Amino acid sequence: MKKIILLLIVINSMNRVDAQVPKKVIVEHFTNTRCGICAIRNPGFYSNYASQSGVIHLAVHPSSPYSNCALSMHNPSQNDARTNYYGIFGGTPRLVIQGQVISSGADYSAASLFAPYLNQISALSVKIRQTKFGTDSIRSTIVIKAVATHTYTNLQLFVALTEDTVFYTGSNGEPKHYDVFRKSLSGTSGNSIFVPTTVGDSAVFVYSSVANSAWVFSRITTLAILQDASTKAVIQSENIPSTSSTLVTGLANSSLNNVNVTAYFFENKLILDQKNLEQENTLSIYDVTGKLRLYKQLSDTNETISLEQLNAGIYIYTIKSNTGLFKTGKLIVQ
């Protein structure tokens, strides 16, 4: 499955919000399975991290000082590129919190390490929907919403797949490795993006990737970091537990006469990624009694259809062209 990057602006003025939300803290941890100093300092860091609330962790394994680190060798170019993004390539362990490089001499086990970054707020929220298809592919949907007025410009969105726990004992004796960076979906510096400026509006970004045989696929999860491109300061971040990954049945690809529609359901919206559409394509949504509840003519290549007008329940949707039915599926509106 090729990577897809799709941007849709979703107008949601009926649900206007004008209050900032808590800013999550992201700590990027640069370490190496052959690094003896890492084995000494990492336990104190992990104990400190575990005592924090609202903090996200990402472990990156650069090839320096030890290029034969197994977790670095899995994806050396992206591990090194993310390290070089902060200009700290050459030694481990190193920490970057909220895009700010922490001194290598800092006490990684001290609670004061995180104190300057806690209890802050942001005008943007980030939500992630992760969908796994069998054991071979994954789709990550990132929704960035303006919850308060802001003047953010020149932003980058970094999206990565991580493995929540890797059981591997390197030469430094560490047997477990947490939130291991496996693959970037957005480039190691992130994609340059525009975010909504109208309060209540959202931008939706969709990425997809095939799985790697070296991963424990059930442990793969998505992480997103929204940063200022100039200063690298983190505006907002988010991740989801691997246990929240679900396959949404009935929402796979379908085609007829080369028409292709990928449909997926997120935050009570039906999002359609359409190719080779014909002139007369329509969407119909029925309740379980067979009563038509929503009908819409489809005209754009990509569309987002709000389902806020539907009551909670189970619905069946169909997409038809003038040559017949080519897509159907089930929706659960909550």
Protein backbone atom coordinates (compact mmCIF):
# COMPACT_ATOMS: atom_id res chain seq x y z
CA MET A 1 0.00 0.00 0.00
CA LYS A 2 1.49 3.34 -0.97
CA LYS A 3 1.64 6.21 1.48
CA ILE A 4 -1.23 8.65 1.11
CA ILE A 5 -1.20 12.21 2.38
CA LEU A 6 -4.64 13.76 2.20
CA LEU A 7 -5.62 17.19 3.52
CA LEU A 8 -9.26 18.05 4.05
CA ILE A 9 -10.62 21.14 5.77
CA VAL A 10 -13.72 20.20 7.75
CA ILE A 11 -16.06 23.07 8.56
CA ASN A 12 -17.70 22.54 11.92
CA SER A 13 -19.02 25.94 12.92
CA MET A 14 -22.03 24.42 14.67
CA ASN A 15 -19.68 22.97 17.30
CA ARG A 16 -17.54 26.07 17.84
CA VAL A 17 -15.03 25.85 20.65
CA ASP A 18 -13.01 28.79 21.91
CA ALA A 19 -10.92 27.49 24.80
CA GLN A 20 -7.37 26.23 24.69
CA VAL A 21 -6.57 22.63 25.58
CA PRO A 22 -3.73 21.12 27.62
CA LYS A 23 -0.51 20.77 25.67
CA LYS A 24 0.92 17.29 25.92
CA VAL A 25 4.65 16.97 26.54
CA ILE A 26 6.76 14.87 24.16
CA VAL A 27 10.21 13.66 25.20
CA GLU A 28 12.35 12.28 22.39
CA HIS A 29 14.93 9.92 23.85
CA PHE A 30 18.04 9.17 21.79
CA THR A 31 19.64 5.95 22.99
CA ASN A 32 21.53 2.86 21.78
CA THR A 33 21.45 -0.82 22.75
CA ARG A 34 25.26 -1.06 22.80
CA CYS A 35 25.78 2.09 24.86
CA GLY A 36 26.98 1.33 28.39
CA ILE A 37 26.23 4.86 29.61
CA CYS A 38 22.65 4.43 28.36
CA ALA A 39 22.29 1.30 30.49
CA ILE A 40 23.38 3.34 33.52
CA ARG A 41 21.26 6.46 32.90
CA ASN A 42 18.13 5.07 31.22
CA PRO A 43 16.60 3.34 34.29
CA GLY A 44 16.52 6.64 36.20
CA PHE A 45 15.05 8.41 33.19
CA TYR A 46 12.33 5.79 32.70
CA SER A 47 11.42 5.92 36.39
CA ASN A 48 11.14 9.71 36.14
CA TYR A 49 9.10 9.49 32.94
CA ALA A 50 6.72 6.91 34.44
CA SER A 51 5.91 9.31 37.29
CA GLN A 52 4.82 12.07 34.89
CA SER A 53 1.27 12.64 33.67
CA GLY A 54 0.51 13.73 30.12
CA VAL A 55 4.01 12.99 28.82
CA ILE A 56 4.65 11.05 25.60
CA HIS A 57 7.87 9.16 24.92
CA LEU A 58 9.66 8.30 21.66
CA ALA A 59 12.93 6.32 21.61
CA VAL A 60 15.22 6.97 18.64
CA HIS A 61 18.32 4.82 18.04
CA PRO A 62 20.99 6.67 16.06
CA SER A 63 23.98 4.82 14.58
CA SER A 64 26.50 6.82 16.61
CA PRO A 65 28.30 6.00 18.79
CA TYR A 66 27.52 2.36 17.88
CA SER A 67 26.42 1.58 14.33
CA ASN A 68 25.75 -2.10 15.07
CA CYS A 69 22.84 -1.36 17.44
CA ALA A 70 20.11 -3.71 16.23
CA LEU A 71 17.33 -1.15 16.66
CA SER A 72 19.31 1.46 14.75
CA MET A 73 20.15 -0.98 11.95
CA HIS A 74 16.45 -1.64 11.34
CA ASN A 75 16.04 1.90 9.94
CA PRO A 76 19.38 3.70 10.18
CA SER A 77 18.66 6.54 7.76
CA GLN A 78 15.54 7.76 9.56
CA ASN A 79 16.95 7.22 13.06
CA ASP A 80 20.01 9.26 12.13
CA ALA A 81 18.00 11.92 10.32
CA ARG A 82 15.73 12.54 13.32
CA THR A 83 18.84 12.83 15.53
CA ASN A 84 20.47 15.25 13.11
CA TYR A 85 17.25 17.29 13.02
CA TYR A 86 18.17 18.43 16.53
CA GLY A 87 21.92 18.55 15.89
CA ILE A 88 22.80 15.98 18.57
CA PHE A 89 24.22 13.15 16.47
CA GLY A 90 27.32 11.56 17.95
CA GLY A 91 26.54 10.55 21.52
CA THR A 92 23.86 8.85 23.61
CA PRO A 93 21.79 9.08 25.72
CA ARG A 94 20.32 12.48 24.84
CA LEU A 95 16.90 14.00 25.48
CA VAL A 96 14.81 16.55 23.61
CA ILE A 97 11.69 17.79 25.43
CA GLN A 98 9.07 19.81 23.55
CA GLY A 99 11.61 20.34 20.76
CA GLN A 100 14.23 21.75 23.15
CA VAL A 101 17.57 19.95 23.44
CA ILE A 102 18.40 19.04 27.04
CA SER A 103 22.00 19.27 28.21
CA SER A 104 23.79 15.93 28.28
CA GLY A 105 24.86 16.80 31.81
CA ALA A 106 21.32 17.19 33.13
CA ASP A 107 19.98 14.77 35.75
CA TYR A 108 17.60 12.63 33.70
CA SER A 109 16.11 11.12 36.87
CA ALA A 110 15.09 14.45 38.42
CA ALA A 111 11.42 15.41 38.37
CA SER A 112 12.52 19.00 37.73
CA LEU A 113 13.58 17.86 34.24
CA PHE A 114 9.96 18.04 33.07
CA ALA A 115 8.75 20.88 35.29
CA PRO A 116 9.29 23.77 32.81
CA TYR A 117 7.10 22.04 30.22
CA LEU A 118 4.12 20.93 32.28
CA ASN A 119 0.72 22.60 32.65
CA GLN A 120 0.86 24.52 29.39
CA ILE A 121 -1.98 25.00 26.90
CA SER A 122 -2.37 25.12 23.14
CA ALA A 123 -4.88 26.54 20.68
CA LEU A 124 -4.63 23.34 18.60
CA SER A 125 -5.74 19.84 19.47
CA VAL A 126 -4.43 16.68 17.82
CA LYS A 127 -6.34 13.42 17.62
CA ILE A 128 -5.26 10.16 16.00
CA ARG A 129 -7.30 7.36 14.49
CA GLN A 130 -5.27 4.24 13.69
CA THR A 131 -6.71 1.44 11.57
CA LYS A 132 -4.94 -1.86 10.98
CA PHE A 133 -5.83 -4.06 8.03
CA GLY A 134 -5.07 -7.67 8.88
CA THR A 135 -1.36 -8.03 9.63
CA ASP A 136 0.09 -6.24 6.65
CA SER A 137 -0.91 -2.56 6.54
CA ILE A 138 -1.88 0.40 8.66
CA ARG A 139 -3.63 3.74 8.17
CA SER A 140 -3.03 6.69 10.50
CA THR A 141 -5.46 9.60 10.42
CA ILE A 142 -4.35 12.81 12.14
CA VAL A 143 -6.98 15.45 12.93
CA ILE A 144 -5.74 18.90 13.91
CA LYS A 145 -8.44 21.19 15.23
CA ALA A 146 -8.35 24.89 16.04
CA VAL A 147 -9.94 25.15 19.49
CA ALA A 148 -9.01 28.81 20.05
CA THR A 149 -7.79 31.74 18.00
CA HIS A 150 -4.11 31.59 17.11
CA THR A 151 -1.43 32.99 14.81
CA TYR A 152 0.53 29.79 14.17
CA THR A 153 2.29 29.66 10.80
CA ASN A 154 5.15 27.67 9.30
CA LEU A 155 4.25 24.42 11.04
CA GLN A 156 5.52 20.89 10.48
CA LEU A 157 3.73 17.64 11.26
CA PHE A 158 5.94 14.67 12.16
CA VAL A 159 4.11 11.34 12.16
CA ALA A 160 5.81 8.10 13.16
CA LEU A 161 5.04 4.46 13.79
CA THR A 162 6.46 3.14 17.04
CA GLU A 163 6.58 -0.26 18.71
CA ASP A 164 5.47 0.07 22.30
CA THR A 165 7.87 -2.58 23.66
CA VAL A 166 10.73 -4.40 21.95
CA PHE A 167 12.16 -7.37 23.86
CA TYR A 168 15.81 -7.53 22.89
CA THR A 169 18.92 -7.66 25.04
CA GLY A 170 21.74 -5.66 23.52
CA SER A 171 25.35 -5.78 24.61
CA ASN A 172 24.64 -3.13 27.27
CA GLY A 173 22.23 -5.52 29.02
CA GLU A 174 18.96 -3.59 28.60
CA PRO A 175 16.27 -6.26 27.95
CA LYS A 176 13.31 -4.01 27.12
CA HIS A 177 13.03 -0.96 24.90
CA TYR A 178 9.97 1.28 24.99
CA ASP A 179 8.19 3.30 22.29
CA VAL A 180 10.80 2.39 19.70
CA PHE A 181 10.80 4.52 16.56
CA ARG A 182 10.21 2.20 13.62
CA LYS A 183 9.25 4.39 10.68
CA SER A 184 8.43 7.98 9.81
CA LEU A 185 5.33 8.50 7.68
CA SER A 186 5.99 12.18 7.14
CA GLY A 187 9.72 12.56 6.60
CA THR A 188 12.00 12.91 9.60
CA SER A 189 11.55 16.69 9.79
CA GLY A 190 7.81 16.44 9.20
CA ASN A 191 5.54 17.72 6.45
CA SER A 192 5.01 21.45 6.07
CA ILE A 193 1.30 22.01 6.71
CA PHE A 194 -1.33 24.70 7.08
CA VAL A 195 -3.73 24.43 10.00
CA PRO A 196 -7.19 25.98 10.32
CA THR A 197 -7.42 29.51 11.66
CA THR A 198 -11.19 29.50 12.21
CA VAL A 199 -12.12 28.17 15.63
CA GLY A 200 -13.90 24.83 15.31
CA ASP A 201 -12.38 23.91 11.92
CA SER A 202 -10.18 20.86 11.46
CA ALA A 203 -7.51 19.66 9.06
CA VAL A 204 -7.33 15.92 8.38
CA PHE A 205 -4.10 14.24 7.28
CA VAL A 206 -4.06 10.59 6.24
CA TYR A 207 -1.00 8.36 5.99
CA SER A 208 -0.71 4.66 5.24
CA SER A 209 2.06 2.11 5.25
CA VAL A 210 2.71 -1.57 4.78
CA ALA A 211 3.90 -3.50 7.82
CA ASN A 212 7.44 -4.75 8.28
CA SER A 213 8.08 -8.40 9.13
CA ALA A 214 10.46 -7.34 11.93
CA TRP A 215 7.67 -5.56 13.80
CA VAL A 216 5.29 -7.11 16.30
CA PHE A 217 2.34 -5.62 14.47
CA SER A 218 -0.02 -5.72 17.45
CA ARG A 219 2.38 -3.40 19.28
CA ILE A 220 2.64 -0.79 16.53
CA THR A 221 1.11 2.58 17.33
CA THR A 222 1.03 6.07 15.82
CA LEU A 223 2.62 9.20 17.25
CA ALA A 224 2.25 12.78 15.96
CA ILE A 225 4.26 15.91 16.79
CA LEU A 226 3.22 19.35 15.55
CA GLN A 227 6.17 21.76 15.63
CA ASP A 228 7.20 25.24 14.67
CA ALA A 229 9.43 24.74 11.64
CA SER A 230 11.79 27.55 12.63
CA THR A 231 12.26 27.00 16.35
CA LYS A 232 11.27 23.31 16.57
CA ALA A 233 9.05 24.22 19.54
CA VAL A 234 6.22 21.72 19.98
CA ILE A 235 2.73 23.16 19.52
CA GLN A 236 0.94 19.91 20.33
CA SER A 237 1.56 16.16 20.28
CA GLU A 238 -0.40 12.96 20.63
CA ASN A 239 -0.10 9.19 20.49
CA ILE A 240 -2.46 6.29 20.95
CA PRO A 241 -2.03 2.95 22.75
CA SER A 242 -1.46 0.01 20.43
CA THR A 243 -4.50 -1.64 22.04
CA SER A 244 -6.76 1.06 20.57
CA SER A 245 -5.91 0.05 17.01
CA THR A 246 -8.96 -1.41 15.32
CA LEU A 247 -9.99 -2.65 11.92
CA VAL A 248 -13.23 -0.97 10.89
CA THR A 249 -15.16 -3.69 9.09
CA GLY A 250 -16.95 -2.88 5.86
CA LEU A 251 -14.77 0.14 5.10
CA ALA A 252 -12.22 -1.31 2.71
CA ASN A 253 -11.41 -0.53 -0.92
CA SER A 254 -13.96 -1.46 -3.55
CA SER A 255 -14.04 -0.92 -7.29
CA LEU A 256 -16.13 -1.26 -10.43
CA ASN A 257 -15.06 -0.18 -13.91
CA ASN A 258 -11.83 1.21 -12.39
CA VAL A 259 -13.79 3.38 -9.93
CA ASN A 260 -12.09 3.16 -6.54
CA VAL A 261 -13.37 4.48 -3.21
CA THR A 262 -11.69 4.21 0.18
CA ALA A 263 -14.12 5.08 2.95
CA TYR A 264 -13.39 5.40 6.63
CA PHE A 265 -15.25 6.68 9.65
CA PHE A 266 -13.77 9.19 12.09
CA GLU A 267 -15.38 11.43 14.73
CA ASN A 268 -18.87 10.86 13.27
CA LYS A 269 -17.69 11.83 9.80
CA LEU A 270 -17.52 9.67 6.70
CA ILE A 271 -14.35 10.49 4.78
CA LEU A 272 -14.15 9.36 1.14
CA ASP A 273 -10.98 9.09 -0.92
CA GLN A 274 -12.27 8.62 -4.47
CA LYS A 275 -10.61 7.90 -7.79
CA ASN A 276 -11.99 7.73 -11.36
CA LEU A 277 -15.43 8.96 -10.37
CA GLU A 278 -18.23 9.01 -12.90
CA GLN A 279 -20.74 11.84 -13.41
CA GLU A 280 -23.63 10.49 -11.33
CA ASN A 281 -22.22 9.15 -8.07
CA THR A 282 -24.45 9.28 -5.00
CA LEU A 283 -24.17 8.41 -1.32
CA SER A 284 -27.15 6.97 0.55
CA ILE A 285 -27.27 6.13 4.26
CA TYR A 286 -30.06 3.92 5.67
CA ASP A 287 -30.99 3.01 9.24
CA VAL A 288 -31.51 -0.62 10.29
CA THR A 289 -35.20 -0.45 9.30
CA GLY A 290 -34.21 0.43 5.73
CA LYS A 291 -35.33 4.07 5.95
CA LEU A 292 -33.22 6.53 3.98
CA ARG A 293 -31.61 8.98 6.42
CA LEU A 294 -29.09 10.84 4.25
CA TYR A 295 -28.66 11.29 0.50
CA LYS A 296 -25.86 13.23 -1.18
CA GLN A 297 -24.57 13.76 -4.71
CA LEU A 298 -20.80 13.16 -4.82
CA SER A 299 -18.82 15.52 -6.98
CA ASP A 300 -15.35 15.96 -5.47
CA THR A 301 -12.41 13.60 -5.58
CA ASN A 302 -12.24 13.69 -1.78
CA GLU A 303 -15.16 14.49 0.48
CA THR A 304 -15.93 14.64 4.19
CA ILE A 305 -19.56 14.11 5.12
CA SER A 306 -20.68 15.08 8.60
CA LEU A 307 -23.04 12.60 10.25
CA GLU A 308 -23.92 14.83 13.20
CA GLN A 309 -27.55 14.92 12.05
CA LEU A 310 -27.89 11.16 12.58
CA ASN A 311 -28.93 9.70 15.91
CA ALA A 312 -26.65 7.19 17.60
CA GLY A 313 -27.07 3.76 16.05
CA ILE A 314 -26.07 1.40 13.26
CA TYR A 315 -26.41 2.48 9.62
CA ILE A 316 -25.72 1.05 6.18
CA TYR A 317 -24.25 3.25 3.49
CA THR A 318 -24.14 2.70 -0.27
CA ILE A 319 -22.29 4.53 -3.04
CA LYS A 320 -23.72 4.18 -6.53
CA SER A 321 -22.88 5.33 -10.01
CA ASN A 322 -25.21 5.40 -13.00
CA THR A 323 -23.85 1.95 -13.86
CA GLY A 324 -24.68 0.36 -10.53
CA LEU A 325 -23.67 -0.18 -6.90
CA PHE A 326 -19.93 -0.24 -6.24
CA LYS A 327 -19.53 0.38 -2.51
CA THR A 328 -21.41 -0.54 0.64
CA GLY A 329 -20.54 -0.72 4.32
CA LYS A 330 -21.66 -0.38 7.92
CA LEU A 331 -21.39 2.71 10.13
CA ILE A 332 -21.77 2.90 13.90
CA VAL A 333 -22.67 6.45 14.91
CA GLN A 334 -22.06 7.26 18.57
